[in-house]
Amino acid sequence: MTRLLRTAVALAVAGVVVLVGVLVVAEPARADDATAVARAKAEVTRRIDLRLAALRRFDAAGKGARHLTDAHEATLHTLITEDAAGLGALKTKVALETTLAALRADAASMVNDYRIFILVGPKVRLTIAGDAEQAAIGRLQSAHDKLAGLVTEAKAAGKDTAAAEQNLADMQAAINSAKTRLDGQIAGLLAVQPGPDGDAIRAKVATVRRALGAARADLRTAIAEAKQVRDFLRP
């Protein structure tokens, strides 16, 4: 018997079934042995429960986010509620399955139709972060305008304000850069849909994450410039 044939026979006897990354060892006699089905069913149910628990955490995070806009909070809450309902229905379906083929299809649906961990979670976290950055931009713009008025007064009083004016210009440039980086990012992220192409979803999320990171760096720059102007204005 050739090595290839021996390998094929060994696999057939073992009755190995792959269930979306979970190895389910069936009884040798039948592919849909009750024990194998029960084990697969328990594993898919466990993984659905993990996703339902994550959705509850995500919803709590959205409700507790200080700067999350009402519109974004409503969008995220609707997404979470609908996904929880869909996964709950899938869990009920799993409990009634009698074949490994059906459970494989349920496991695929659990992942591809919802993408809880690589899409919903990032939607919640990055939307919260993006809205916080937008709020920071508003505060920094107000601070800039107030500082500019004070610098103008100092200049009128005969003080050399060249350095402070440059700080203000750099501060405004950083604020404008942050605005540009954030523009449309959250809307685009919220529009991303789940599906079988996990790599494409991760790539889209990564693009938004990088944009928010760059905007955050701009905001730190703006804060540093504001401190320089504040120090200049101190008596």
Protein backbone atom coordinates (compact mmCIF):
# COMPACT_ATOMS: atom_id res chain seq x y z
CA MET A 1 0.00 0.00 0.00
CA THR A 2 1.49 3.37 -1.00
CA ARG A 3 2.08 6.13 1.53
CA LEU A 4 -0.62 8.26 -0.13
CA LEU A 5 -3.15 5.42 0.06
CA ARG A 6 -2.28 4.70 3.69
CA THR A 7 -2.82 8.36 4.50
CA ALA A 8 -6.20 8.41 2.76
CA VAL A 9 -7.31 5.30 4.63
CA ALA A 10 -6.20 6.74 7.96
CA LEU A 11 -8.20 9.91 7.40
CA ALA A 12 -11.27 7.98 6.34
CA VAL A 13 -11.13 5.84 9.47
CA ALA A 14 -10.64 8.86 11.73
CA GLY A 15 -13.62 10.61 10.15
CA VAL A 16 -12.09 14.07 10.50
CA VAL A 17 -14.52 16.92 9.79
CA VAL A 18 -13.40 20.56 9.72
CA LEU A 19 -16.05 22.97 11.00
CA VAL A 20 -14.94 26.56 10.20
CA GLY A 21 -11.58 26.16 11.86
CA VAL A 22 -12.85 23.83 14.62
CA LEU A 23 -11.73 20.22 14.33
CA VAL A 24 -14.58 17.85 15.03
CA VAL A 25 -13.62 14.16 15.30
CA ALA A 26 -16.58 12.01 14.30
CA GLU A 27 -17.16 8.36 15.15
CA PRO A 28 -15.75 5.99 12.48
CA ALA A 29 -19.09 4.45 11.61
CA ARG A 30 -21.02 7.57 10.45
CA ALA A 31 -20.15 11.15 9.47
CA ASP A 32 -23.28 12.44 11.20
CA ASP A 33 -22.96 10.39 14.36
CA ALA A 34 -25.02 11.88 17.20
CA THR A 35 -21.94 12.42 19.36
CA ALA A 36 -20.13 14.33 16.64
CA VAL A 37 -23.20 16.46 15.95
CA ALA A 38 -23.61 17.21 19.64
CA ARG A 39 -19.99 18.28 19.98
CA ALA A 40 -20.15 20.49 16.92
CA LYS A 41 -23.42 21.99 18.09
CA ALA A 42 -21.95 22.81 21.50
CA GLU A 43 -18.92 24.47 19.91
CA VAL A 44 -20.94 26.64 17.53
CA THR A 45 -23.28 27.60 20.38
CA ARG A 46 -20.30 28.56 22.53
CA ARG A 47 -18.93 30.78 19.81
CA ILE A 48 -22.30 32.45 19.27
CA ASP A 49 -22.49 33.14 23.00
CA LEU A 50 -19.07 34.80 22.88
CA ARG A 51 -20.35 37.12 20.18
CA LEU A 52 -23.54 37.93 22.07
CA ALA A 53 -21.52 38.80 25.15
CA ALA A 54 -19.25 41.03 23.06
CA LEU A 55 -22.29 42.83 21.62
CA ARG A 56 -23.51 43.58 25.14
CA ARG A 57 -20.12 45.11 25.98
CA PHE A 58 -20.11 47.14 22.80
CA ASP A 59 -23.58 48.53 23.53
CA ALA A 60 -22.55 49.51 27.04
CA ALA A 61 -19.45 51.24 25.69
CA GLY A 62 -21.54 53.26 23.27
CA LYS A 63 -23.99 54.33 25.94
CA GLY A 64 -21.15 55.41 28.22
CA ALA A 65 -19.15 57.33 25.60
CA ARG A 66 -19.13 61.01 26.52
CA HIS A 67 -18.52 62.49 23.09
CA LEU A 68 -20.38 59.99 20.90
CA THR A 69 -22.94 61.91 18.85
CA ASP A 70 -26.61 61.04 19.20
CA ALA A 71 -26.75 59.99 15.55
CA HIS A 72 -23.77 57.66 15.86
CA GLU A 73 -25.01 56.23 19.12
CA ALA A 74 -28.35 55.43 17.49
CA THR A 75 -26.65 53.86 14.46
CA LEU A 76 -24.42 51.67 16.60
CA HIS A 77 -27.25 50.66 18.92
CA THR A 78 -29.39 49.63 15.96
CA LEU A 79 -26.53 47.60 14.48
CA ILE A 80 -25.86 45.85 17.78
CA THR A 81 -29.54 45.16 18.42
CA GLU A 82 -30.06 43.70 14.95
CA ASP A 83 -26.94 41.55 15.16
CA ALA A 84 -27.92 40.27 18.60
CA ALA A 85 -31.35 39.32 17.28
CA GLY A 86 -29.85 37.60 14.26
CA LEU A 87 -27.35 35.64 16.32
CA GLY A 88 -30.05 34.71 18.81
CA ALA A 89 -32.14 33.27 15.99
CA LEU A 90 -29.08 31.45 14.66
CA LYS A 91 -28.45 29.97 18.10
CA THR A 92 -32.00 28.61 18.14
CA LYS A 93 -31.46 27.15 14.67
CA VAL A 94 -28.22 25.49 15.77
CA ALA A 95 -30.01 23.79 18.66
CA LEU A 96 -32.34 22.07 16.18
CA GLU A 97 -29.72 20.91 13.67
CA THR A 98 -29.16 17.18 13.12
CA THR A 99 -26.29 17.12 10.61
CA LEU A 100 -22.72 18.35 10.48
CA ALA A 101 -23.34 19.94 7.08
CA ALA A 102 -26.06 22.14 8.53
CA LEU A 103 -23.83 23.09 11.45
CA ARG A 104 -21.00 24.00 9.09
CA ALA A 105 -23.37 26.34 7.27
CA ASP A 106 -24.50 27.85 10.59
CA ALA A 107 -20.89 28.37 11.68
CA ALA A 108 -20.10 30.12 8.41
CA SER A 109 -23.15 32.35 8.84
CA MET A 110 -22.09 33.18 12.39
CA VAL A 111 -18.82 34.57 11.05
CA ASN A 112 -19.56 35.96 7.59
CA ASP A 113 -22.99 37.48 8.20
CA TYR A 114 -21.99 39.41 11.32
CA ARG A 115 -18.21 39.89 11.66
CA ILE A 116 -18.61 40.83 15.30
CA PHE A 117 -14.94 40.92 16.25
CA ILE A 118 -13.25 42.36 13.18
CA LEU A 119 -15.98 44.84 12.17
CA VAL A 120 -18.66 45.58 14.77
CA GLY A 121 -16.17 45.99 17.61
CA PRO A 122 -13.94 48.35 15.60
CA LYS A 123 -17.01 50.28 14.44
CA VAL A 124 -17.90 50.97 18.05
CA ARG A 125 -14.38 51.75 19.27
CA LEU A 126 -13.30 53.85 16.31
CA THR A 127 -16.58 55.79 16.14
CA ILE A 128 -16.22 56.66 19.81
CA ALA A 129 -12.62 57.73 19.21
CA GLY A 130 -13.48 59.68 16.06
CA ASP A 131 -16.27 61.60 17.75
CA ALA A 132 -13.97 62.39 20.68
CA GLU A 133 -11.42 63.77 18.24
CA GLN A 134 -14.08 65.85 16.51
CA ALA A 135 -15.07 67.30 19.89
CA ALA A 136 -11.41 68.05 20.62
CA ILE A 137 -11.10 69.86 17.30
CA GLY A 138 -14.00 72.12 18.28
CA ARG A 139 -12.45 72.91 21.65
CA LEU A 140 -9.04 73.58 20.14
CA GLN A 141 -10.51 75.87 17.48
CA SER A 142 -12.24 77.90 20.18
CA ALA A 143 -9.00 78.06 22.16
CA HIS A 144 -7.11 79.15 19.06
CA ASP A 145 -9.53 81.97 18.34
CA LYS A 146 -9.38 83.24 21.94
CA LEU A 147 -5.60 83.10 21.99
CA ALA A 148 -5.44 84.90 18.64
CA GLY A 149 -7.53 87.72 20.09
CA LEU A 150 -5.20 88.01 23.08
CA VAL A 151 -2.12 88.00 20.86
CA THR A 152 -3.66 90.78 18.76
CA GLU A 153 -4.19 92.83 21.91
CA ALA A 154 -0.60 92.20 22.98
CA LYS A 155 0.66 93.29 19.57
CA ALA A 156 -1.40 96.47 19.74
CA ALA A 157 0.20 97.16 23.12
CA GLY A 158 3.62 97.11 21.47
CA LYS A 159 4.73 93.59 22.37
CA ASP A 160 6.75 91.51 19.90
CA THR A 161 4.29 88.75 18.96
CA ALA A 162 6.10 87.20 15.98
CA ALA A 163 6.78 83.89 17.74
CA ALA A 164 3.27 83.65 19.14
CA GLU A 165 1.77 84.39 15.73
CA GLN A 166 3.81 81.54 14.26
CA ASN A 167 2.61 79.25 17.04
CA LEU A 168 -0.96 80.21 16.22
CA ALA A 169 -0.40 79.54 12.52
CA ASP A 170 1.08 76.12 13.31
CA MET A 171 -1.78 75.41 15.69
CA GLN A 172 -4.36 76.25 13.02
CA ALA A 173 -2.52 74.12 10.46
CA ALA A 174 -2.60 71.14 12.84
CA ILE A 175 -6.30 71.63 13.52
CA ASN A 176 -7.02 71.84 9.80
CA SER A 177 -4.97 68.70 9.17
CA ALA A 178 -6.89 66.80 11.83
CA LYS A 179 -10.17 67.89 10.25
CA THR A 180 -9.03 66.68 6.83
CA ARG A 181 -7.84 63.34 8.16
CA LEU A 182 -11.14 62.68 9.93
CA ASP A 183 -13.38 63.84 7.12
CA GLY A 184 -15.67 61.00 6.04
CA GLN A 185 -13.76 58.32 7.93
CA ILE A 186 -16.45 57.36 10.42
CA ALA A 187 -19.23 57.50 7.84
CA GLY A 188 -17.19 55.23 5.60
CA LEU A 189 -16.50 52.81 8.43
CA LEU A 190 -20.15 52.59 9.44
CA ALA A 191 -21.04 51.80 5.83
CA VAL A 192 -18.75 48.73 5.67
CA GLN A 193 -20.79 45.55 5.52
CA PRO A 194 -19.92 42.07 6.82
CA GLY A 195 -19.11 39.30 4.37
CA PRO A 196 -16.80 36.38 3.61
CA ASP A 197 -13.75 38.50 2.72
CA GLY A 198 -12.24 39.06 6.14
CA ASP A 199 -8.99 40.48 4.76
CA ALA A 200 -10.84 43.20 2.86
CA ILE A 201 -12.78 44.14 5.99
CA ARG A 202 -9.61 44.32 8.07
CA ALA A 203 -7.97 46.51 5.44
CA LYS A 204 -10.84 49.00 5.49
CA VAL A 205 -10.82 49.13 9.28
CA ALA A 206 -7.04 49.60 9.29
CA THR A 207 -7.35 52.59 6.96
CA VAL A 208 -9.74 54.31 9.35
CA ARG A 209 -7.59 53.43 12.35
CA ARG A 210 -4.52 54.98 10.70
CA ALA A 211 -6.45 58.14 9.84
CA LEU A 212 -7.63 58.55 13.42
CA GLY A 213 -4.12 57.94 14.71
CA ALA A 214 -2.73 60.63 12.42
CA ALA A 215 -5.48 63.05 13.46
CA ARG A 216 -4.68 62.35 17.10
CA ALA A 217 -1.05 63.28 16.45
CA ASP A 218 -2.21 66.54 14.83
CA LEU A 219 -4.29 67.34 17.89
CA ARG A 220 -1.30 66.79 20.16
CA THR A 221 0.65 69.21 17.98
CA ALA A 222 -2.12 71.80 18.23
CA ILE A 223 -2.17 71.46 22.02
CA ALA A 224 1.59 71.94 22.20
CA GLU A 225 1.38 75.10 20.09
CA ALA A 226 -1.45 76.43 22.24
CA LYS A 227 0.70 75.97 25.35
CA GLN A 228 3.47 77.99 23.71
CA VAL A 229 1.08 80.86 23.07
CA ARG A 230 -0.34 80.60 26.58
CA ASP A 231 3.15 80.81 28.06
CA PHE A 232 3.89 83.85 25.89
CA LEU A 233 0.79 85.62 27.18
CA ARG A 234 1.54 85.02 30.83
CA PRO A 235 2.64 88.18 32.70
